[in-house]
C-alpha atoms as a PDB file:
ATOM      1  CA  MET A   1      94.982 131.678  80.498  1.00  0.00           C
ATOM      2  CA  SER A   2      97.304 128.939  81.713  1.00  0.00           C
ATOM      3  CA  PHE A   3      96.661 125.189  81.532  1.00  0.00           C
ATOM      4  CA  GLU A   4      93.685 125.390  79.172  1.00  0.00           C
ATOM      5  CA  SER A   5      92.273 122.153  77.790  1.00  0.00           C
ATOM      6  CA  GLU A   6      88.982 121.111  76.226  1.00  0.00           C
ATOM      7  CA  LYS A   7      88.480 117.957  78.259  1.00  0.00           C
ATOM      8  CA  PRO A   8      88.689 117.158  81.982  1.00  0.00           C
ATOM      9  CA  PHE A   9      91.543 114.974  83.205  1.00  0.00           C
ATOM     10  CA  ASN A  10      90.715 111.363  84.115  1.00  0.00           C
ATOM     11  CA  ASP A  11      93.092 108.530  84.920  1.00  0.00           C
ATOM     12  CA  PHE A  12      90.909 105.461  85.175  1.00  0.00           C
ATOM     13  CA  GLN A  13      93.946 103.200  84.845  1.00  0.00           C
ATOM     14  CA  HIS A  14      95.264 104.258  88.277  1.00  0.00           C
ATOM     15  CA  PHE A  15      92.036 105.565  89.825  1.00  0.00           C
ATOM     16  CA  ALA A  16      89.142 103.323  88.782  1.00  0.00           C
ATOM     17  CA  ARG A  17      86.533 105.410  90.583  1.00  0.00           C
ATOM     18  CA  GLY A  18      88.077 108.734  89.631  1.00  0.00           C
ATOM     19  CA  ILE A  19      90.638 111.053  91.148  1.00  0.00           C
ATOM     20  CA  ARG A  20      88.117 112.759  93.402  1.00  0.00           C
ATOM     21  CA  ARG A  21      87.075 109.495  95.087  1.00  0.00           C
ATOM     22  CA  SER A  22      90.564 107.998  95.413  1.00  0.00           C
ATOM     23  CA  GLY A  23      91.285 109.458  98.844  1.00  0.00           C
ATOM     24  CA  GLU A  24      94.797 110.444  97.782  1.00  0.00           C
ATOM     25  CA  PHE A  25      94.058 114.108  97.058  1.00  0.00           C
ATOM     26  CA  SER A  26      92.217 116.904  98.843  1.00  0.00           C
ATOM     27  CA  ILE A  27      89.161 118.527  97.229  1.00  0.00           C
ATOM     28  CA  ARG A  28      91.269 121.471  96.065  1.00  0.00           C
ATOM     29  CA  GLU A  29      93.940 119.196  94.609  1.00  0.00           C
ATOM     30  CA  SER A  30      91.428 117.003  92.801  1.00  0.00           C
ATOM     31  CA  ASN A  31      89.747 120.107  91.342  1.00  0.00           C
ATOM     32  CA  ILE A  32      93.105 121.359  90.024  1.00  0.00           C
ATOM     33  CA  LEU A  33      93.888 117.949  88.522  1.00  0.00           C
ATOM     34  CA  GLU A  34      90.480 117.543  86.896  1.00  0.00           C
ATOM     35  CA  GLN A  35      90.487 121.054  85.395  1.00  0.00           C
ATOM     36  CA  CYS A  36      94.165 121.407  84.417  1.00  0.00           C
ATOM     37  CA  GLY A  37      95.540 117.847  84.469  1.00  0.00           C
ATOM     38  CA  THR A  38      95.253 117.251  80.718  1.00  0.00           C
ATOM     39  CA  ALA A  39      97.317 120.352  79.949  1.00  0.00           C
ATOM     40  CA  MET A  40      99.811 119.545  82.710  1.00  0.00           C
ATOM     41  CA  MET A  41     100.257 115.981  81.388  1.00  0.00           C
ATOM     42  CA  GLU A  42     100.805 117.281  77.844  1.00  0.00           C
ATOM     43  CA  LEU A  43     103.406 119.752  79.124  1.00  0.00           C
ATOM     44  CA  HIS A  44     105.129 117.017  81.162  1.00  0.00           C
ATOM     45  CA  LYS A  45     105.293 114.592  78.211  1.00  0.00           C
ATOM     46  CA  GLY A  46     106.455 117.308  75.801  1.00  0.00           C
ATOM     47  CA  ILE A  47     103.369 117.114  73.565  1.00  0.00           C
ATOM     48  CA  ARG A  48     102.609 120.768  74.211  1.00  0.00           C
ATOM     49  CA  GLU A  49     104.874 123.818  74.515  1.00  0.00           C
ATOM     50  CA  ALA A  50     104.590 126.275  77.417  1.00  0.00           C
ATOM     51  CA  SER A  51     102.351 129.138  76.262  1.00  0.00           C
ATOM     52  CA  ASP A  52     103.062 131.612  79.075  1.00  0.00           C
ATOM     53  CA  GLU A  53     105.284 132.266  82.087  1.00  0.00           C
ATOM     54  CA  THR A  54     103.104 130.218  84.474  1.00  0.00           C
ATOM     55  CA  GLU A  55     103.442 127.082  82.370  1.00  0.00           C
ATOM     56  CA  ALA A  56     107.187 127.653  81.923  1.00  0.00           C
ATOM     57  CA  GLU A  57     107.607 128.001  85.697  1.00  0.00           C
ATOM     58  CA  PHE A  58     105.519 124.832  86.174  1.00  0.00           C
ATOM     59  CA  LEU A  59     107.890 122.847  83.927  1.00  0.00           C
ATOM     60  CA  LYS A  60     110.993 124.325  85.534  1.00  0.00           C
ATOM     61  CA  GLN A  61     109.860 123.447  89.058  1.00  0.00           C
ATOM     62  CA  LEU A  62     108.482 120.052  88.079  1.00  0.00           C
ATOM     63  CA  HIS A  63     111.784 118.860  86.595  1.00  0.00           C
ATOM     64  CA  SER A  64     114.087 120.354  89.227  1.00  0.00           C
ATOM     65  CA  ASP A  65     115.042 118.846  92.580  1.00  0.00           C
ATOM     66  CA  GLU A  66     114.478 122.113  94.433  1.00  0.00           C
ATOM     67  CA  VAL A  67     111.569 122.904  96.747  1.00  0.00           C
ATOM     68  CA  ILE A  68     108.373 123.415  94.725  1.00  0.00           C
ATOM     69  CA  SER A  69     106.476 126.643  95.382  1.00  0.00           C
ATOM     70  CA  ASP A  70     104.088 126.604  92.401  1.00  0.00           C
ATOM     71  CA  PRO A  71     100.734 125.069  93.493  1.00  0.00           C
ATOM     72  CA  TYR A  72     100.151 123.446  90.076  1.00  0.00           C
ATOM     73  CA  ALA A  73     103.584 121.815  90.070  1.00  0.00           C
ATOM     74  CA  LYS A  74     103.105 120.700  93.679  1.00  0.00           C
ATOM     75  CA  VAL A  75      99.809 118.934  92.883  1.00  0.00           C
ATOM     76  CA  PHE A  76     101.116 117.338  89.688  1.00  0.00           C
ATOM     77  CA  LYS A  77     104.312 116.129  91.424  1.00  0.00           C
ATOM     78  CA  LYS A  78     102.105 114.529  94.101  1.00  0.00           C
ATOM     79  CA  TYR A  79     100.049 112.865  91.336  1.00  0.00           C
ATOM     80  CA  LEU A  80     103.203 111.477  89.718  1.00  0.00           C
ATOM     81  CA  THR A  81     104.390 110.160  93.092  1.00  0.00           C
ATOM     82  CA  VAL A  82     101.047 108.473  93.833  1.00  0.00           C
ATOM     83  CA  ILE A  83     100.900 106.631  90.482  1.00  0.00           C
ATOM     84  CA  GLN A  84     104.436 105.231  90.753  1.00  0.00           C
ATOM     85  CA  PRO A  85     104.617 101.491  91.425  1.00  0.00           C
ATOM     86  CA  ARG A  86     105.024 100.712  95.105  1.00  0.00           C
ATOM     87  CA  ARG A  87     108.175  98.910  96.181  1.00  0.00           C
ATOM     88  CA  LEU A  88     107.721  95.860  98.350  1.00  0.00           C
ATOM     89  CA  HIS A  89     110.412  94.955 100.858  1.00  0.00           C
ATOM     90  CA  ARG A  90     110.427  91.520 102.421  1.00  0.00           C
ATOM     91  CA  LEU A  91     112.369  90.546 105.488  1.00  0.00           C
ATOM     92  CA  CYS A  92     112.537  86.812 104.861  1.00  0.00           C
ATOM     93  CA  ALA A  93     114.897  84.796 102.697  1.00  0.00           C
ATOM     94  CA  VAL A  94     113.004  82.539 100.332  1.00  0.00           C
ATOM     95  CA  GLY A  95     114.818  79.796  98.428  1.00  0.00           C
ATOM     96  CA  ASP A  96     118.156  79.956 100.235  1.00  0.00           C
ATOM     97  CA  ASP A  97     120.264  77.213  98.587  1.00  0.00           C
ATOM     98  CA  GLU A  98     122.789  77.024 101.420  1.00  0.00           C
ATOM     99  CA  LEU A  99     120.244  75.380 103.719  1.00  0.00           C
ATOM    100  CA  GLY A 100     119.584  72.551 101.323  1.00  0.00           C
ATOM    101  CA  ASN A 101     116.950  70.100 102.529  1.00  0.00           C
ATOM    102  CA  GLU A 102     117.687  70.354 106.261  1.00  0.00           C
ATOM    103  CA  PHE A 103     114.203  71.530 107.101  1.00  0.00           C
ATOM    104  CA  THR A 104     112.155  68.902 105.234  1.00  0.00           C
ATOM    105  CA  GLY A 105     110.670  67.361 108.359  1.00  0.00           C
ATOM    106  CA  GLY A 106     109.166  68.720 111.541  1.00  0.00           C
ATOM    107  CA  ALA A 107     110.331  68.404 115.132  1.00  0.00           C
ATOM    108  CA  GLY A 108     110.930  64.747 116.022  1.00  0.00           C
ATOM    109  CA  ASP A 109     110.538  63.581 112.422  1.00  0.00           C
ATOM    110  CA  ASP A 110     112.406  60.372 111.842  1.00  0.00           C
ATOM    111  CA  GLY A 111     111.336  60.000 108.235  1.00  0.00           C
ATOM    112  CA  SER A 112     108.691  57.303 108.857  1.00  0.00           C
ATOM    113  CA  ILE A 113     105.047  57.716 108.008  1.00  0.00           C
ATOM    114  CA  ASP A 114     102.624  56.754 110.764  1.00  0.00           C
END
C-alpha cells in the first residue's frame, strides 16, 4: 500500500492546535495529511524512496510545474504553500533620507515651546 507510516502526521510548529483545527484544510484533506503526511514528508525530503508507482507519480507531480492531478500531491502541495512564510508589502516609505528633518514640527510650529 502507498504512503504507509507507523505514526500520524502532526506539525505543531505551524499548526499549534493541529492540522484538523487550523481551518486551512477540508476534512478530507486533513484526513489525508494525518494518515499519509509522514510518508509524504519523507518522500519530499528524500529520506524515503518511492516504493510503488503511486508514490513515484506523487513525487513527479509534486516537483513539476504542471497541473497536479494526483489527490495526494495536490493536498501536500497545498500544505507546503500554507506553511511558507507570508510576504508583507507596505505602501509607505519609512526612513527616507531625502526628506531630512523637514517634518520635525507640526502645522504652525515656530520652534518655540509654549
